[in-house]
Full PDB file with SEQRES, HELIX, SHEET, SSBOND, CRYST1, ORIGX, SCALE, CONECT and MASTER records, all heavy atoms in Angstrom:
SEQRES   1 A   29  ARG PRO TYR THR MET ALA TRP TYR ARG GLN ALA PRO GLY          
SEQRES   2 A   29  ASN GLN ARG GLU LEU VAL ALA TYR ILE THR SER GLY GLY          
SEQRES   3 A   29  SER THR ASN                                                  
SHEET    1 AA1 2 THR A   4  ARG A   9  0                                        
SHEET    2 AA1 2 GLU A  17  THR A  23 -1                                        
CRYST1    1.000    1.000    1.000  90.00  90.00  90.00 P 1           1          
ORIGX1      1.000000  0.000000  0.000000        0.00000                         
ORIGX2      0.000000  1.000000  0.000000        0.00000                         
ORIGX3      0.000000  0.000000  1.000000        0.00000                         
SCALE1      1.000000  0.000000  0.000000        0.00000                         
SCALE2      0.000000  1.000000  0.000000        0.00000                         
SCALE3      0.000000  0.000000  1.000000        0.00000                         
ATOM      1  N   ARG A   1       0.844  -1.192   0.000  1.00  0.00           N  
ATOM      2  CA  ARG A   1       0.000   0.000   0.000  1.00  0.00           C  
ATOM      3  C   ARG A   1       0.879   1.242   0.000  1.00  0.00           C  
ATOM      4  O   ARG A   1       1.976   1.224   0.558  1.00  0.00           O  
ATOM      5  CB  ARG A   1      -0.887   0.013   1.238  1.00  0.00           C  
ATOM      6  CG  ARG A   1      -1.966  -1.021   1.217  1.00  0.00           C  
ATOM      7  CD  ARG A   1      -2.764  -1.046   2.515  1.00  0.00           C  
ATOM      8  NE  ARG A   1      -3.863  -2.005   2.445  1.00  0.00           N  
ATOM      9  CZ  ARG A   1      -5.134  -1.665   2.258  1.00  0.00           C  
ATOM     10  NH1 ARG A   1      -5.461  -0.401   2.119  1.00  0.00           N  
ATOM     11  NH2 ARG A   1      -6.061  -2.592   2.212  1.00  0.00           N  
ATOM     12  N   PRO A   2       0.443   2.330  -0.616  1.00  0.00           N  
ATOM     13  CA  PRO A   2      -0.825   2.459  -1.337  1.00  0.00           C  
ATOM     14  C   PRO A   2      -0.739   1.870  -2.739  1.00  0.00           C  
ATOM     15  O   PRO A   2       0.335   1.746  -3.304  1.00  0.00           O  
ATOM     16  CB  PRO A   2      -1.012   3.981  -1.406  1.00  0.00           C  
ATOM     17  CG  PRO A   2       0.378   4.517  -1.470  1.00  0.00           C  
ATOM     18  CD  PRO A   2       1.203   3.574  -0.612  1.00  0.00           C  
ATOM     19  N   TYR A   3      -1.887   1.486  -3.276  1.00  0.00           N  
ATOM     20  CA  TYR A   3      -1.946   0.984  -4.635  1.00  0.00           C  
ATOM     21  C   TYR A   3      -3.261   1.423  -5.263  1.00  0.00           C  
ATOM     22  O   TYR A   3      -4.184   1.851  -4.581  1.00  0.00           O  
ATOM     23  CB  TYR A   3      -1.837  -0.543  -4.670  1.00  0.00           C  
ATOM     24  CG  TYR A   3      -2.971  -1.270  -3.980  1.00  0.00           C  
ATOM     25  CD1 TYR A   3      -4.190  -1.441  -4.609  1.00  0.00           C  
ATOM     26  CD2 TYR A   3      -2.816  -1.770  -2.685  1.00  0.00           C  
ATOM     27  CE1 TYR A   3      -5.236  -2.088  -3.973  1.00  0.00           C  
ATOM     28  CE2 TYR A   3      -3.854  -2.418  -2.045  1.00  0.00           C  
ATOM     29  CZ  TYR A   3      -5.068  -2.571  -2.682  1.00  0.00           C  
ATOM     30  OH  TYR A   3      -6.088  -3.203  -2.046  1.00  0.00           O  
ATOM     31  N   THR A   4      -3.302   1.299  -6.554  1.00  0.00           N  
ATOM     32  CA  THR A   4      -4.520   1.532  -7.313  1.00  0.00           C  
ATOM     33  C   THR A   4      -4.739   0.349  -8.233  1.00  0.00           C  
ATOM     34  O   THR A   4      -3.797  -0.110  -8.882  1.00  0.00           O  
ATOM     35  CB  THR A   4      -4.424   2.819  -8.146  1.00  0.00           C  
ATOM     36  OG1 THR A   4      -4.228   3.940  -7.269  1.00  0.00           O  
ATOM     37  CG2 THR A   4      -5.686   3.041  -8.962  1.00  0.00           C  
ATOM     38  N   MET A   5      -5.956  -0.136  -8.252  1.00  0.00           N  
ATOM     39  CA  MET A   5      -6.311  -1.189  -9.204  1.00  0.00           C  
ATOM     40  C   MET A   5      -7.345  -0.632 -10.156  1.00  0.00           C  
ATOM     41  O   MET A   5      -8.270   0.075  -9.741  1.00  0.00           O  
ATOM     42  CB  MET A   5      -6.833  -2.430  -8.490  1.00  0.00           C  
ATOM     43  CG  MET A   5      -5.778  -3.138  -7.657  1.00  0.00           C  
ATOM     44  SD  MET A   5      -6.274  -4.773  -7.081  1.00  0.00           S  
ATOM     45  CE  MET A   5      -6.060  -5.744  -8.588  1.00  0.00           C  
ATOM     46  N   ALA A   6      -7.143  -0.928 -11.418  1.00  0.00           N  
ATOM     47  CA  ALA A   6      -7.986  -0.319 -12.440  1.00  0.00           C  
ATOM     48  C   ALA A   6      -8.388  -1.344 -13.485  1.00  0.00           C  
ATOM     49  O   ALA A   6      -7.715  -2.355 -13.683  1.00  0.00           O  
ATOM     50  CB  ALA A   6      -7.254   0.834 -13.109  1.00  0.00           C  
ATOM     51  N   TRP A   7      -9.476  -1.045 -14.153  1.00  0.00           N  
ATOM     52  CA  TRP A   7      -9.911  -1.785 -15.331  1.00  0.00           C  
ATOM     53  C   TRP A   7      -9.777  -0.869 -16.547  1.00  0.00           C  
ATOM     54  O   TRP A   7     -10.218   0.280 -16.512  1.00  0.00           O  
ATOM     55  CB  TRP A   7     -11.359  -2.241 -15.209  1.00  0.00           C  
ATOM     56  CG  TRP A   7     -11.553  -3.369 -14.262  1.00  0.00           C  
ATOM     57  CD1 TRP A   7     -11.955  -3.293 -12.956  1.00  0.00           C  
ATOM     58  CD2 TRP A   7     -11.342  -4.758 -14.532  1.00  0.00           C  
ATOM     59  NE1 TRP A   7     -12.004  -4.549 -12.401  1.00  0.00           N  
ATOM     60  CE2 TRP A   7     -11.640  -5.465 -13.343  1.00  0.00           C  
ATOM     61  CE3 TRP A   7     -10.949  -5.485 -15.653  1.00  0.00           C  
ATOM     62  CZ2 TRP A   7     -11.541  -6.861 -13.262  1.00  0.00           C  
ATOM     63  CZ3 TRP A   7     -10.853  -6.854 -15.568  1.00  0.00           C  
ATOM     64  CH2 TRP A   7     -11.144  -7.531 -14.383  1.00  0.00           C  
ATOM     65  N   TYR A   8      -9.142  -1.413 -17.574  1.00  0.00           N  
ATOM     66  CA  TYR A   8      -9.041  -0.757 -18.864  1.00  0.00           C  
ATOM     67  C   TYR A   8      -9.740  -1.637 -19.890  1.00  0.00           C  
ATOM     68  O   TYR A   8      -9.985  -2.822 -19.655  1.00  0.00           O  
ATOM     69  CB  TYR A   8      -7.574  -0.575 -19.275  1.00  0.00           C  
ATOM     70  CG  TYR A   8      -6.842   0.524 -18.560  1.00  0.00           C  
ATOM     71  CD1 TYR A   8      -6.454   0.392 -17.227  1.00  0.00           C  
ATOM     72  CD2 TYR A   8      -6.497   1.709 -19.224  1.00  0.00           C  
ATOM     73  CE1 TYR A   8      -5.780   1.407 -16.571  1.00  0.00           C  
ATOM     74  CE2 TYR A   8      -5.807   2.717 -18.582  1.00  0.00           C  
ATOM     75  CZ  TYR A   8      -5.450   2.561 -17.258  1.00  0.00           C  
ATOM     76  OH  TYR A   8      -4.771   3.562 -16.623  1.00  0.00           O  
ATOM     77  N   ARG A   9     -10.017  -1.083 -21.043  1.00  0.00           N  
ATOM     78  CA  ARG A   9     -10.544  -1.886 -22.138  1.00  0.00           C  
ATOM     79  C   ARG A   9      -9.980  -1.389 -23.462  1.00  0.00           C  
ATOM     80  O   ARG A   9      -9.617  -0.228 -23.601  1.00  0.00           O  
ATOM     81  CB  ARG A   9     -12.073  -1.865 -22.174  1.00  0.00           C  
ATOM     82  CG  ARG A   9     -12.695  -0.520 -22.502  1.00  0.00           C  
ATOM     83  CD  ARG A   9     -14.214  -0.592 -22.345  1.00  0.00           C  
ATOM     84  NE  ARG A   9     -14.855   0.670 -22.674  1.00  0.00           N  
ATOM     85  CZ  ARG A   9     -16.146   0.915 -22.498  1.00  0.00           C  
ATOM     86  NH1 ARG A   9     -16.944  -0.044 -21.987  1.00  0.00           N  
ATOM     87  NH2 ARG A   9     -16.656   2.074 -22.831  1.00  0.00           N  
ATOM     88  N   GLN A  10      -9.932  -2.320 -24.405  1.00  0.00           N  
ATOM     89  CA  GLN A  10      -9.430  -1.987 -25.740  1.00  0.00           C  
ATOM     90  C   GLN A  10     -10.263  -2.715 -26.775  1.00  0.00           C  
ATOM     91  O   GLN A  10     -10.293  -3.948 -26.806  1.00  0.00           O  
ATOM     92  CB  GLN A  10      -7.956  -2.366 -25.875  1.00  0.00           C  
ATOM     93  CG  GLN A  10      -7.329  -1.893 -27.172  1.00  0.00           C  
ATOM     94  CD  GLN A  10      -5.820  -2.015 -27.159  1.00  0.00           C  
ATOM     95  OE1 GLN A  10      -5.232  -2.749 -26.366  1.00  0.00           O  
ATOM     96  NE2 GLN A  10      -5.164  -1.271 -28.044  1.00  0.00           N  
ATOM     97  N   ALA A  11     -10.934  -1.924 -27.592  1.00  0.00           N  
ATOM     98  CA  ALA A  11     -11.705  -2.465 -28.700  1.00  0.00           C  
ATOM     99  C   ALA A  11     -10.824  -2.484 -29.938  1.00  0.00           C  
ATOM    100  O   ALA A  11      -9.863  -1.710 -30.033  1.00  0.00           O  
ATOM    101  CB  ALA A  11     -12.948  -1.610 -28.930  1.00  0.00           C  
ATOM    102  N   PRO A  12     -11.132  -3.349 -30.923  1.00  0.00           N  
ATOM    103  CA  PRO A  12     -10.314  -3.420 -32.135  1.00  0.00           C  
ATOM    104  C   PRO A  12     -10.196  -2.056 -32.810  1.00  0.00           C  
ATOM    105  O   PRO A  12     -11.202  -1.364 -33.010  1.00  0.00           O  
ATOM    106  CB  PRO A  12     -11.087  -4.410 -33.006  1.00  0.00           C  
ATOM    107  CG  PRO A  12     -11.825  -5.266 -32.043  1.00  0.00           C  
ATOM    108  CD  PRO A  12     -12.203  -4.351 -30.912  1.00  0.00           C  
ATOM    109  N   GLY A  13      -8.972  -1.675 -33.122  1.00  0.00           N  
ATOM    110  CA  GLY A  13      -8.733  -0.414 -33.794  1.00  0.00           C  
ATOM    111  C   GLY A  13      -8.714   0.797 -32.888  1.00  0.00           C  
ATOM    112  O   GLY A  13      -8.470   1.916 -33.354  1.00  0.00           O  
ATOM    113  N   ASN A  14      -8.963   0.591 -31.613  1.00  0.00           N  
ATOM    114  CA  ASN A  14      -8.998   1.702 -30.655  1.00  0.00           C  
ATOM    115  C   ASN A  14      -7.836   1.614 -29.673  1.00  0.00           C  
ATOM    116  O   ASN A  14      -7.253   0.550 -29.473  1.00  0.00           O  
ATOM    117  CB  ASN A  14     -10.316   1.700 -29.871  1.00  0.00           C  
ATOM    118  CG  ASN A  14     -11.507   2.070 -30.712  1.00  0.00           C  
ATOM    119  OD1 ASN A  14     -11.375   2.398 -31.888  1.00  0.00           O  
ATOM    120  ND2 ASN A  14     -12.677   2.001 -30.103  1.00  0.00           N  
ATOM    121  N   GLN A  15      -7.541   2.751 -29.048  1.00  0.00           N  
ATOM    122  CA  GLN A  15      -6.546   2.754 -27.982  1.00  0.00           C  
ATOM    123  C   GLN A  15      -7.142   2.174 -26.706  1.00  0.00           C  
ATOM    124  O   GLN A  15      -8.358   2.182 -26.510  1.00  0.00           O  
ATOM    125  CB  GLN A  15      -6.063   4.188 -27.732  1.00  0.00           C  
ATOM    126  CG  GLN A  15      -5.230   4.770 -28.859  1.00  0.00           C  
ATOM    127  CD  GLN A  15      -4.634   6.120 -28.486  1.00  0.00           C  
ATOM    128  OE1 GLN A  15      -5.165   6.837 -27.643  1.00  0.00           O  
ATOM    129  NE2 GLN A  15      -3.518   6.459 -29.102  1.00  0.00           N  
ATOM    130  N   ARG A  16      -6.274   1.681 -25.853  1.00  0.00           N  
ATOM    131  CA  ARG A  16      -6.708   1.189 -24.552  1.00  0.00           C  
ATOM    132  C   ARG A  16      -7.183   2.383 -23.725  1.00  0.00           C  
ATOM    133  O   ARG A  16      -6.520   3.422 -23.680  1.00  0.00           O  
ATOM    134  CB  ARG A  16      -5.563   0.464 -23.839  1.00  0.00           C  
ATOM    135  CG  ARG A  16      -5.997  -0.337 -22.639  1.00  0.00           C  
ATOM    136  CD  ARG A  16      -4.847  -1.202 -22.119  1.00  0.00           C  
ATOM    137  NE  ARG A  16      -4.457  -2.217 -23.094  1.00  0.00           N  
ATOM    138  CZ  ARG A  16      -3.599  -3.198 -22.821  1.00  0.00           C  
ATOM    139  NH1 ARG A  16      -3.074  -3.310 -21.603  1.00  0.00           N  
ATOM    140  NH2 ARG A  16      -3.272  -4.064 -23.752  1.00  0.00           N  
ATOM    141  N   GLU A  17      -8.351   2.228 -23.097  1.00  0.00           N  
ATOM    142  CA  GLU A  17      -8.911   3.329 -22.335  1.00  0.00           C  
ATOM    143  C   GLU A  17      -9.253   2.893 -20.912  1.00  0.00           C  
ATOM    144  O   GLU A  17      -9.610   1.731 -20.665  1.00  0.00           O  
ATOM    145  CB  GLU A  17     -10.179   3.868 -23.016  1.00  0.00           C  
ATOM    146  CG  GLU A  17     -11.325   2.886 -23.105  1.00  0.00           C  
ATOM    147  CD  GLU A  17     -12.595   3.497 -23.682  1.00  0.00           C  
ATOM    148  OE1 GLU A  17     -12.620   4.693 -23.990  1.00  0.00           O  
ATOM    149  OE2 GLU A  17     -13.590   2.747 -23.797  1.00  0.00           O  
ATOM    150  N   LEU A  18      -9.146   3.853 -20.001  1.00  0.00           N  
ATOM    151  CA  LEU A  18      -9.482   3.599 -18.606  1.00  0.00           C  
ATOM    152  C   LEU A  18     -10.998   3.494 -18.451  1.00  0.00           C  
ATOM    153  O   LEU A  18     -11.731   4.349 -18.941  1.00  0.00           O  
ATOM    154  CB  LEU A  18      -8.949   4.730 -17.722  1.00  0.00           C  
ATOM    155  CG  LEU A  18      -9.311   4.669 -16.237  1.00  0.00           C  
ATOM    156  CD1 LEU A  18      -8.658   3.467 -15.568  1.00  0.00           C  
ATOM    157  CD2 LEU A  18      -8.878   5.963 -15.545  1.00  0.00           C  
ATOM    158  N   VAL A  19     -11.432   2.457 -17.753  1.00  0.00           N  
ATOM    159  CA  VAL A  19     -12.851   2.271 -17.475  1.00  0.00           C  
ATOM    160  C   VAL A  19     -13.181   2.732 -16.057  1.00  0.00           C  
ATOM    161  O   VAL A  19     -14.120   3.495 -15.839  1.00  0.00           O  
ATOM    162  CB  VAL A  19     -13.250   0.795 -17.641  1.00  0.00           C  
ATOM    163  CG1 VAL A  19     -14.701   0.572 -17.238  1.00  0.00           C  
ATOM    164  CG2 VAL A  19     -13.006   0.335 -19.078  1.00  0.00           C  
ATOM    165  N   ALA A  20     -12.399   2.242 -15.081  1.00  0.00           N  
ATOM    166  CA  ALA A  20     -12.655   2.587 -13.684  1.00  0.00           C  
ATOM    167  C   ALA A  20     -11.431   2.225 -12.862  1.00  0.00           C  
ATOM    168  O   ALA A  20     -10.652   1.360 -13.260  1.00  0.00           O  
ATOM    169  CB  ALA A  20     -13.879   1.846 -13.141  1.00  0.00           C  
ATOM    170  N   TYR A  21     -11.275   2.893 -11.717  1.00  0.00           N  
ATOM    171  CA  TYR A  21     -10.216   2.495 -10.804  1.00  0.00           C  
ATOM    172  C   TYR A  21     -10.683   2.628  -9.366  1.00  0.00           C  
ATOM    173  O   TYR A  21     -11.645   3.332  -9.066  1.00  0.00           O  
ATOM    174  CB  TYR A  21      -8.925   3.293 -11.026  1.00  0.00           C  
ATOM    175  CG  TYR A  21      -8.952   4.761 -10.644  1.00  0.00           C  
ATOM    176  CD1 TYR A  21      -8.868   5.169  -9.315  1.00  0.00           C  
ATOM    177  CD2 TYR A  21      -9.016   5.745 -11.620  1.00  0.00           C  
ATOM    178  CE1 TYR A  21      -8.868   6.514  -8.967  1.00  0.00           C  
ATOM    179  CE2 TYR A  21      -9.010   7.094 -11.286  1.00  0.00           C  
ATOM    180  CZ  TYR A  21      -8.940   7.472  -9.955  1.00  0.00           C  
ATOM    181  OH  TYR A  21      -8.934   8.803  -9.612  1.00  0.00           O  
ATOM    182  N   ILE A  22      -9.971   1.911  -8.490  1.00  0.00           N  
ATOM    183  CA  ILE A  22     -10.224   1.966  -7.061  1.00  0.00           C  
ATOM    184  C   ILE A  22      -8.879   2.009  -6.356  1.00  0.00           C  
ATOM    185  O   ILE A  22      -7.955   1.285  -6.731  1.00  0.00           O  
ATOM    186  CB  ILE A  22     -11.090   0.769  -6.584  1.00  0.00           C  
ATOM    187  CG1 ILE A  22     -11.439   0.905  -5.103  1.00  0.00           C  
ATOM    188  CG2 ILE A  22     -10.409  -0.574  -6.865  1.00  0.00           C  
ATOM    189  CD1 ILE A  22     -12.543  -0.065  -4.666  1.00  0.00           C  
ATOM    190  N   THR A  23      -8.765   2.865  -5.349  1.00  0.00           N  
ATOM    191  CA  THR A  23      -7.511   2.972  -4.604  1.00  0.00           C  
ATOM    192  C   THR A  23      -7.553   2.068  -3.376  1.00  0.00           C  
ATOM    193  O   THR A  23      -8.622   1.592  -2.977  1.00  0.00           O  
ATOM    194  CB  THR A  23      -7.264   4.414  -4.154  1.00  0.00           C  
ATOM    195  OG1 THR A  23      -8.226   4.758  -3.141  1.00  0.00           O  
ATOM    196  CG2 THR A  23      -7.381   5.387  -5.322  1.00  0.00           C  
ATOM    197  N   SER A  24      -6.393   1.873  -2.770  1.00  0.00           N  
ATOM    198  CA  SER A  24      -6.342   1.063  -1.558  1.00  0.00           C  
ATOM    199  C   SER A  24      -7.108   1.723  -0.420  1.00  0.00           C  
ATOM    200  O   SER A  24      -7.484   1.046   0.534  1.00  0.00           O  
ATOM    201  CB  SER A  24      -4.889   0.817  -1.140  1.00  0.00           C  
ATOM    202  OG  SER A  24      -4.168   2.028  -1.105  1.00  0.00           O  
ATOM    203  N   GLY A  25      -7.367   3.029  -0.553  1.00  0.00           N  
ATOM    204  CA  GLY A  25      -8.170   3.730   0.441  1.00  0.00           C  
ATOM    205  C   GLY A  25      -9.663   3.665   0.176  1.00  0.00           C  
ATOM    206  O   GLY A  25     -10.463   4.144   0.972  1.00  0.00           O  
ATOM    207  N   GLY A  26     -10.023   3.081  -0.988  1.00  0.00           N  
ATOM    208  CA  GLY A  26     -11.433   2.894  -1.304  1.00  0.00           C  
ATOM    209  C   GLY A  26     -12.039   3.934  -2.230  1.00  0.00           C  
ATOM    210  O   GLY A  26     -13.229   3.860  -2.558  1.00  0.00           O  
ATOM    211  N   SER A  27     -11.249   4.897  -2.673  1.00  0.00           N  
ATOM    212  CA  SER A  27     -11.783   5.888  -3.608  1.00  0.00           C  
ATOM    213  C   SER A  27     -11.950   5.261  -4.981  1.00  0.00           C  
ATOM    214  O   SER A  27     -11.138   4.427  -5.400  1.00  0.00           O  
ATOM    215  CB  SER A  27     -10.830   7.085  -3.704  1.00  0.00           C  
ATOM    216  OG  SER A  27     -10.714   7.727  -2.461  1.00  0.00           O  
ATOM    217  N   THR A  28     -12.996   5.685  -5.685  1.00  0.00           N  
ATOM    218  CA  THR A  28     -13.279   5.138  -7.005  1.00  0.00           C  
ATOM    219  C   THR A  28     -13.471   6.267  -8.013  1.00  0.00           C  
ATOM    220  O   THR A  28     -13.794   7.413  -7.650  1.00  0.00           O  
ATOM    221  CB  THR A  28     -14.541   4.268  -6.994  1.00  0.00           C  
ATOM    222  OG1 THR A  28     -15.659   5.053  -6.573  1.00  0.00           O  
ATOM    223  CG2 THR A  28     -14.379   3.078  -6.059  1.00  0.00           C  
ATOM    224  N   ASN A  29     -13.288   5.922  -9.261  1.00  0.00           N  
ATOM    225  CA  ASN A  29     -13.525   6.871 -10.337  1.00  0.00           C  
ATOM    226  C   ASN A  29     -13.910   6.079 -11.581  1.00  0.00           C  
ATOM    227  O   ASN A  29     -13.462   4.927 -11.744  1.00  0.00           O  
ATOM    228  CB  ASN A  29     -12.290   7.723 -10.615  1.00  0.00           C  
ATOM    229  CG  ASN A  29     -12.622   8.969 -11.400  1.00  0.00           C  
ATOM    230  OD1 ASN A  29     -13.779   9.390 -11.451  1.00  0.00           O  
ATOM    231  ND2 ASN A  29     -11.621   9.575 -12.007  1.00  0.00           N  
TER     232      ASN A  29                                                      
MASTER        0    0    0    0    2    0    0    6  231    1    0    3          
END                                                                             
């Protein structure tokens, strides 16, 4: 700690994009 875990996604022909993240403190975006 501290850390952040996130989900990204990448569709064909597109750049990888951030979907959501959560911190070790519990904050989300």
